[in-house]
Amino acid sequence: MSNPIPEQPIRLTQLSHGGGCGCKIAPAVLRDILADTAFATQMATAYPDLLVGIEHGDDAAVYRLNDEQAIVATTDFFMPIVDDPFEFGRIAATNALSDVYAMGGRPLFALAIVGMPIGKLPNEVIRQILAGGEAVCKAAGIPIAGGHSIDAPEPIYGLVGIGVVDPRKVKQNNGGQAGDHLILGKPLGVGIYSAALKKGLLSAEQYAAMIAATTQLNTAGADLAATAGVHAMTDITGFGLLGHLLEITRASNLSAQVGLGRLPLLPGVAELAQGGHVTGASGRNWASYGSEVSLAGGIADWQQALLTDPQTSGGLLVSCATAARDTVLETFRRHGFAQAAEIGRLQAGRDVAISV
């Protein structure tokens, strides 16, 4: 690999057992933890203005204030995926605000979530992490209005994101319709990049591509939600493409067909995956939901890893009618998502099929 990435004085990734959205609890374990909990089964009837809770694994909660306004609330935080503290802060903040955009909302303000190993990390490093988060919020046009901090054994940073949305334009996982096109806004491969980065095998060009992808705000969300024919939307994070697509198919009582060759990828990701540079979270993801996926013959293990690769601050996945397809792609392009691509379709049935 050319142009090695400069070493940081303190390697944040060495202070934590995992990084980015790869830290998420495996989907099967999470479903077991939340199964049959009273708050999951009673919320819809007890709180009629709670339009979106945890029923379908949606990206954020939505609470109706009146016929034209609803609050979008979410929280997201994780441990470092890169060693540069400023970039870690930027990535974590971008990832947290993504859930507001994925519901079709616009962020209003944020609260910081900070857990740092005081005494192990210099205060200046912590300040740089916070500065990274502030830079992203400034780009989103919102303030960080407060937060909470603790002395923790591993560095943790993220945001509570508060936004607003027209309740008639909220996009949930359960809105998909048979025949819908599936369009993905960002290229895949962040988890594979992170695995290569830890081994010093990521080039400077690939590192730059990783930072660019993970710090690009999913600002297209509100415009997409307002587009006629857009039926469902989510963002791709720690459960991988398949995991978050399955949240749509389960909630919509449909199946999906995805073309492996259609997937947009970060530069060199296929070669890194073929070299075995995959995360442990990728295997945990497959173990959680692989029984619901039908892989075409000839698909190799490294290609399967692309489908389950945990994305940190990944792209929006949109389910839309044929009449809206071109508008959705144009909206992504207008917001700067040059690699947005159609990757498959929704159809009748109850599983996800991957073709070559």
Protein backbone atom coordinates (compact mmCIF):
# COMPACT_ATOMS: atom_id res chain seq x y z
CA MET A 1 0.00 0.00 0.00
CA SER A 2 1.28 3.49 -0.83
CA ASN A 3 1.46 6.62 1.31
CA PRO A 4 1.05 5.18 4.80
CA ILE A 5 -1.29 7.04 7.15
CA PRO A 6 0.63 9.12 9.71
CA GLU A 7 0.68 7.59 13.19
CA GLN A 8 -1.25 9.38 15.94
CA PRO A 9 0.56 10.03 19.25
CA ILE A 10 -2.26 8.16 21.02
CA ARG A 11 -4.05 5.35 19.19
CA LEU A 12 -7.67 5.65 20.25
CA THR A 13 -8.56 2.31 18.66
CA GLN A 14 -6.19 0.54 21.04
CA LEU A 15 -8.17 1.82 24.04
CA SER A 16 -11.41 0.07 23.12
CA HIS A 17 -12.48 -3.51 22.40
CA GLY A 18 -14.45 -2.51 19.30
CA GLY A 19 -15.07 0.48 17.10
CA GLY A 20 -17.84 2.37 15.34
CA CYS A 21 -21.14 0.65 14.66
CA GLY A 22 -19.33 -2.70 14.84
CA CYS A 23 -19.78 -2.27 18.62
CA LYS A 24 -23.53 -2.81 18.32
CA ILE A 25 -25.10 -5.78 20.07
CA ALA A 26 -25.70 -8.54 17.50
CA PRO A 27 -29.23 -8.32 16.03
CA ALA A 28 -30.35 -11.75 17.27
CA VAL A 29 -29.16 -10.97 20.81
CA LEU A 30 -30.89 -7.60 20.74
CA ARG A 31 -34.16 -9.14 19.55
CA ASP A 32 -33.99 -11.65 22.39
CA ILE A 33 -33.36 -8.91 24.96
CA LEU A 34 -36.30 -6.83 23.75
CA ALA A 35 -38.70 -9.70 23.10
CA ASP A 36 -42.08 -9.48 24.86
CA THR A 37 -41.08 -6.48 26.96
CA ALA A 38 -44.06 -4.60 28.30
CA PHE A 39 -42.89 -1.22 27.01
CA ALA A 40 -42.61 -2.63 23.50
CA THR A 41 -46.10 -4.12 23.41
CA GLN A 42 -48.04 -1.41 25.26
CA MET A 43 -46.64 1.84 23.90
CA ALA A 44 -48.82 2.08 20.80
CA THR A 45 -52.07 1.94 22.77
CA ALA A 46 -50.91 3.85 25.83
CA TYR A 47 -49.39 6.74 23.87
CA PRO A 48 -51.33 7.38 20.64
CA ASP A 49 -49.14 10.37 19.71
CA LEU A 50 -46.04 8.18 19.74
CA LEU A 51 -46.07 7.51 16.01
CA VAL A 52 -42.85 5.48 15.90
CA GLY A 53 -41.40 3.44 18.76
CA ILE A 54 -39.36 0.25 18.74
CA GLU A 55 -41.92 -2.02 17.09
CA HIS A 56 -40.15 -2.37 13.72
CA GLY A 57 -36.56 -1.44 14.53
CA ASP A 58 -36.93 2.04 13.08
CA ASP A 59 -34.09 4.53 13.28
CA ALA A 60 -35.63 7.06 15.70
CA ALA A 61 -38.68 7.72 17.83
CA VAL A 62 -41.30 10.10 16.46
CA TYR A 63 -43.81 11.91 18.69
CA ARG A 64 -46.67 13.96 17.19
CA LEU A 65 -47.13 17.49 18.51
CA ASN A 66 -49.92 18.50 16.11
CA ASP A 67 -51.13 17.71 12.60
CA GLU A 68 -48.09 19.33 10.97
CA GLN A 69 -45.25 18.80 13.44
CA ALA A 70 -43.67 15.84 15.15
CA ILE A 71 -40.48 15.51 17.17
CA VAL A 72 -37.81 13.05 16.00
CA ALA A 73 -35.56 11.81 18.82
CA THR A 74 -32.61 9.45 18.64
CA THR A 75 -29.33 8.66 20.34
CA ASP A 76 -26.21 7.00 19.01
CA PHE A 77 -22.70 6.62 20.40
CA PHE A 78 -19.75 4.27 20.04
CA MET A 79 -16.05 3.71 20.58
CA PRO A 80 -13.33 4.93 18.18
CA ILE A 81 -13.15 3.56 14.66
CA VAL A 82 -10.11 5.74 13.79
CA ASP A 83 -7.20 7.06 15.84
CA ASP A 84 -7.53 10.72 14.89
CA PRO A 85 -9.64 12.26 17.69
CA PHE A 86 -11.12 15.05 15.56
CA GLU A 87 -12.18 12.59 12.85
CA PHE A 88 -13.59 10.21 15.46
CA GLY A 89 -15.77 13.05 16.73
CA ARG A 90 -16.90 13.92 13.21
CA ILE A 91 -17.78 10.32 12.35
CA ALA A 92 -19.71 9.73 15.58
CA ALA A 93 -21.71 12.94 15.20
CA THR A 94 -22.51 12.31 11.54
CA ASN A 95 -23.66 8.79 12.38
CA ALA A 96 -25.92 10.02 15.20
CA LEU A 97 -27.65 12.68 13.11
CA SER A 98 -28.24 10.15 10.32
CA ASP A 99 -31.16 8.62 12.20
CA VAL A 100 -33.03 11.94 12.11
CA TYR A 101 -32.52 12.18 8.35
CA ALA A 102 -33.54 8.52 7.89
CA MET A 103 -36.98 9.27 9.35
CA GLY A 104 -37.40 12.15 6.90
CA GLY A 105 -36.68 14.77 9.54
CA ARG A 106 -34.46 17.82 9.88
CA PRO A 107 -32.20 18.15 12.94
CA LEU A 108 -32.90 20.96 15.41
CA PHE A 109 -30.20 20.51 18.05
CA ALA A 110 -28.05 17.86 19.69
CA LEU A 111 -26.82 16.82 23.13
CA ALA A 112 -23.37 15.28 23.56
CA ILE A 113 -22.76 11.86 25.13
CA VAL A 114 -19.20 11.67 26.44
CA GLY A 115 -17.46 8.82 28.25
CA MET A 116 -13.69 9.16 28.49
CA PRO A 117 -10.89 7.36 30.38
CA ILE A 118 -9.73 10.37 32.35
CA GLY A 119 -6.05 10.00 33.16
CA LYS A 120 -5.39 7.82 30.11
CA LEU A 121 -6.38 10.42 27.51
CA PRO A 122 -4.98 13.98 27.70
CA ASN A 123 -7.63 16.68 27.95
CA GLU A 124 -6.49 18.08 24.61
CA VAL A 125 -7.34 14.80 22.87
CA ILE A 126 -10.82 14.84 24.43
CA ARG A 127 -11.25 18.47 23.33
CA GLN A 128 -10.41 17.43 19.76
CA ILE A 129 -13.08 14.69 19.83
CA LEU A 130 -15.67 17.22 21.00
CA ALA A 131 -14.49 19.72 18.38
CA GLY A 132 -15.05 17.13 15.66
CA GLY A 133 -18.63 16.66 16.79
CA GLU A 134 -19.17 20.41 16.93
CA ALA A 135 -17.84 20.80 13.39
CA VAL A 136 -20.40 18.33 12.04
CA CYS A 137 -23.26 19.96 13.92
CA LYS A 138 -22.18 23.34 12.56
CA ALA A 139 -22.28 21.86 9.05
CA ALA A 140 -25.78 20.56 9.80
CA GLY A 141 -26.79 24.03 10.99
CA ILE A 142 -27.56 23.01 14.57
CA PRO A 143 -26.08 23.64 18.02
CA ILE A 144 -24.85 21.16 20.59
CA ALA A 145 -26.99 22.49 23.42
CA GLY A 146 -25.65 20.39 26.29
CA GLY A 147 -24.97 16.79 27.17
CA HIS A 148 -23.57 14.46 29.80
CA SER A 149 -20.10 13.13 30.55
CA ILE A 150 -18.68 10.29 32.65
CA ASP A 151 -15.26 8.85 33.46
CA ALA A 152 -15.33 5.56 31.51
CA PRO A 153 -12.79 2.76 30.94
CA GLU A 154 -13.04 3.16 27.14
CA PRO A 155 -13.54 6.31 25.05
CA ILE A 156 -17.18 6.75 24.00
CA TYR A 157 -18.68 9.65 22.06
CA GLY A 158 -22.00 10.33 20.34
CA LEU A 159 -25.05 12.52 20.28
CA VAL A 160 -28.68 12.69 21.17
CA GLY A 161 -30.26 14.09 18.02
CA ILE A 162 -33.52 16.04 18.16
CA GLY A 163 -35.31 16.93 14.94
CA VAL A 164 -38.66 17.85 13.48
CA VAL A 165 -40.74 16.21 10.76
CA ASP A 166 -44.18 16.53 9.20
CA PRO A 167 -45.99 13.48 10.65
CA ARG A 168 -47.53 12.83 7.24
CA LYS A 169 -44.07 12.44 5.70
CA VAL A 170 -42.44 10.14 8.26
CA LYS A 171 -40.75 7.17 6.57
CA GLN A 172 -40.75 3.89 8.49
CA ASN A 173 -39.50 0.39 7.81
CA ASN A 174 -43.02 -0.97 7.33
CA GLY A 175 -43.95 1.13 4.29
CA GLY A 176 -42.34 -0.96 1.55
CA GLN A 177 -44.51 -2.18 -1.34
CA ALA A 178 -44.06 -5.10 -3.73
CA GLY A 179 -42.31 -3.92 -6.87
CA ASP A 180 -40.44 -1.10 -5.12
CA HIS A 181 -36.91 -0.27 -6.25
CA LEU A 182 -34.18 -0.35 -3.59
CA ILE A 183 -31.71 2.52 -3.85
CA LEU A 184 -28.61 2.84 -1.66
CA GLY A 185 -27.02 6.24 -1.11
CA LYS A 186 -23.45 5.44 0.02
CA PRO A 187 -20.89 2.79 -0.93
CA LEU A 188 -20.32 -0.19 1.38
CA GLY A 189 -17.13 -1.38 3.03
CA VAL A 190 -16.49 0.76 6.13
CA GLY A 191 -16.14 -2.26 8.40
CA ILE A 192 -13.71 -3.94 6.01
CA TYR A 193 -11.71 -0.71 5.84
CA SER A 194 -11.61 -0.53 9.65
CA ALA A 195 -10.31 -4.11 9.87
CA ALA A 196 -7.54 -3.30 7.36
CA LEU A 197 -6.75 -0.03 9.16
CA LYS A 198 -6.05 -1.84 12.42
CA LYS A 199 -3.48 -3.99 10.59
CA GLY A 200 -1.86 -1.01 8.86
CA LEU A 201 -3.02 -2.17 5.45
CA LEU A 202 -5.22 0.76 4.45
CA SER A 203 -3.69 3.21 1.98
CA ALA A 204 -3.87 6.96 2.48
CA GLU A 205 -6.29 7.17 -0.46
CA GLN A 206 -8.57 4.55 1.07
CA TYR A 207 -8.40 6.24 4.48
CA ALA A 208 -9.45 9.51 2.85
CA ALA A 209 -12.36 7.72 1.15
CA MET A 210 -13.39 6.23 4.50
CA ILE A 211 -13.39 9.63 6.22
CA ALA A 212 -15.28 11.24 3.33
CA ALA A 213 -18.01 8.58 3.40
CA THR A 214 -18.46 8.43 7.16
CA THR A 215 -18.59 12.21 7.62
CA GLN A 216 -21.04 12.91 4.79
CA LEU A 217 -24.34 13.94 6.36
CA ASN A 218 -27.39 12.13 4.95
CA THR A 219 -29.04 15.46 4.20
CA ALA A 220 -31.05 13.97 1.34
CA GLY A 221 -33.42 12.35 3.84
CA ALA A 222 -35.94 15.16 4.19
CA ASP A 223 -36.21 15.74 0.44
CA LEU A 224 -36.54 12.00 -0.17
CA ALA A 225 -39.29 11.72 2.44
CA ALA A 226 -41.21 14.49 0.70
CA THR A 227 -40.98 12.70 -2.68
CA ALA A 228 -44.19 11.04 -3.86
CA GLY A 229 -43.64 7.31 -4.28
CA VAL A 230 -40.97 6.93 -1.58
CA HIS A 231 -42.47 4.31 0.72
CA ALA A 232 -39.79 3.31 3.24
CA MET A 233 -36.35 4.47 4.29
CA THR A 234 -33.61 3.51 6.74
CA ASP A 235 -29.87 3.98 7.11
CA ILE A 236 -27.31 1.19 6.88
CA THR A 237 -25.22 0.89 10.04
CA GLY A 238 -23.96 -1.86 12.33
CA PHE A 239 -26.22 -4.71 11.17
CA GLY A 240 -24.90 -4.43 7.61
CA LEU A 241 -26.86 -4.05 4.38
CA LEU A 242 -28.70 -7.35 4.84
CA GLY A 243 -29.63 -6.69 8.46
CA HIS A 244 -31.21 -3.32 7.78
CA LEU A 245 -32.86 -4.50 4.57
CA LEU A 246 -34.39 -7.35 6.57
CA GLU A 247 -35.88 -4.79 8.95
CA ILE A 248 -37.76 -3.37 5.97
CA THR A 249 -38.84 -6.74 4.55
CA ARG A 250 -40.01 -8.08 7.92
CA ALA A 251 -41.95 -4.93 8.79
CA SER A 252 -43.45 -4.72 5.28
CA ASN A 253 -44.20 -8.47 5.03
CA LEU A 254 -42.24 -8.71 1.80
CA SER A 255 -39.06 -10.22 0.40
CA ALA A 256 -36.24 -8.64 -1.58
CA GLN A 257 -33.99 -9.48 -4.51
CA VAL A 258 -30.55 -7.85 -4.44
CA GLY A 259 -27.93 -7.99 -7.21
CA LEU A 260 -24.45 -8.45 -5.76
CA GLY A 261 -22.83 -6.78 -8.75
CA ARG A 262 -24.97 -3.68 -8.28
CA LEU A 263 -23.63 -2.81 -4.84
CA PRO A 264 -21.56 0.39 -4.71
CA LEU A 265 -18.27 -0.24 -2.89
CA LEU A 266 -15.50 1.91 -1.45
CA PRO A 267 -12.23 1.70 -3.44
CA GLY A 268 -10.39 -1.59 -3.04
CA VAL A 269 -12.95 -3.10 -0.66
CA ALA A 270 -13.42 -6.28 -2.72
CA GLU A 271 -9.68 -6.98 -2.69
CA LEU A 272 -9.42 -6.36 1.06
CA ALA A 273 -12.38 -8.65 1.73
CA GLN A 274 -10.82 -11.36 -0.43
CA GLY A 275 -7.71 -10.99 1.72
CA GLY A 276 -9.71 -11.79 4.84
CA HIS A 277 -9.91 -8.30 6.29
CA VAL A 278 -13.39 -8.53 7.80
CA THR A 279 -14.73 -7.70 11.25
CA GLY A 280 -16.03 -10.08 13.90
CA ALA A 281 -19.32 -8.18 13.77
CA SER A 282 -19.81 -9.34 10.17
CA GLY A 283 -19.85 -12.98 11.30
CA ARG A 284 -22.16 -12.19 14.23
CA ASN A 285 -24.53 -10.46 11.84
CA TRP A 286 -24.71 -13.50 9.55
CA ALA A 287 -25.26 -15.81 12.50
CA SER A 288 -28.18 -13.61 13.56
CA TYR A 289 -30.10 -13.50 10.29
CA GLY A 290 -28.41 -15.72 7.69
CA SER A 291 -31.28 -18.22 7.87
CA GLU A 292 -33.52 -15.58 6.26
CA VAL A 293 -31.20 -15.03 3.30
CA SER A 294 -30.91 -17.09 0.14
CA LEU A 295 -27.52 -16.78 -1.56
CA ALA A 296 -27.11 -17.70 -5.22
CA GLY A 297 -24.67 -20.48 -6.01
CA GLY A 298 -21.10 -19.34 -6.46
CA ILE A 299 -21.19 -16.51 -3.93
CA ALA A 300 -17.95 -16.70 -1.94
CA ASP A 301 -17.46 -16.09 1.76
CA TRP A 302 -15.81 -12.73 1.10
CA GLN A 303 -18.82 -11.62 -0.95
CA GLN A 304 -21.13 -12.67 1.87
CA ALA A 305 -18.97 -10.54 4.17
CA LEU A 306 -19.71 -7.49 2.00
CA LEU A 307 -23.42 -7.99 2.63
CA THR A 308 -23.05 -8.25 6.40
CA ASP A 309 -20.23 -5.73 6.82
CA PRO A 310 -21.09 -3.33 9.68
CA GLN A 311 -21.32 0.18 8.31
CA THR A 312 -20.50 3.17 10.46
CA SER A 313 -22.40 6.27 9.34
CA GLY A 314 -23.61 4.41 6.27
CA GLY A 315 -25.97 5.48 3.51
CA LEU A 316 -29.72 5.76 3.29
CA LEU A 317 -31.61 2.82 1.81
CA VAL A 318 -34.77 3.91 0.01
CA SER A 319 -37.72 1.80 -1.12
CA CYS A 320 -39.64 3.60 -3.86
CA ALA A 321 -42.12 3.11 -6.69
CA THR A 322 -40.96 2.94 -10.31
CA ALA A 323 -42.33 6.43 -10.97
CA ALA A 324 -40.11 7.86 -8.20
CA ARG A 325 -36.91 5.99 -9.09
CA ASP A 326 -35.28 8.67 -11.24
CA THR A 327 -36.27 11.43 -8.83
CA VAL A 328 -34.73 9.55 -5.91
CA LEU A 329 -31.45 9.07 -7.78
CA GLU A 330 -31.43 12.72 -8.85
CA THR A 331 -32.07 13.82 -5.26
CA PHE A 332 -29.13 11.76 -4.04
CA ARG A 333 -26.89 13.25 -6.75
CA ARG A 334 -28.03 16.79 -5.90
CA HIS A 335 -26.99 16.23 -2.28
CA GLY A 336 -23.56 14.99 -3.30
CA PHE A 337 -24.03 11.19 -3.23
CA ALA A 338 -22.29 10.35 -6.49
CA GLN A 339 -22.29 6.57 -5.94
CA ALA A 340 -26.00 6.21 -5.14
CA ALA A 341 -27.28 3.16 -7.01
CA GLU A 342 -30.27 0.90 -7.45
CA ILE A 343 -29.37 -2.45 -5.86
CA GLY A 344 -32.58 -4.51 -6.11
CA ARG A 345 -36.36 -4.74 -5.72
CA LEU A 346 -38.96 -5.64 -3.13
CA GLN A 347 -41.36 -8.46 -4.00
CA ALA A 348 -43.88 -10.86 -2.51
CA GLY A 349 -42.51 -13.47 -0.14
CA ARG A 350 -40.66 -13.50 3.17
CA ASP A 351 -36.89 -13.81 2.57
CA VAL A 352 -34.03 -11.91 0.97
CA ALA A 353 -32.43 -13.43 -2.15
CA ILE A 354 -28.98 -12.39 -3.32
CA SER A 355 -28.12 -12.94 -6.97
CA VAL A 356 -24.84 -12.55 -8.80
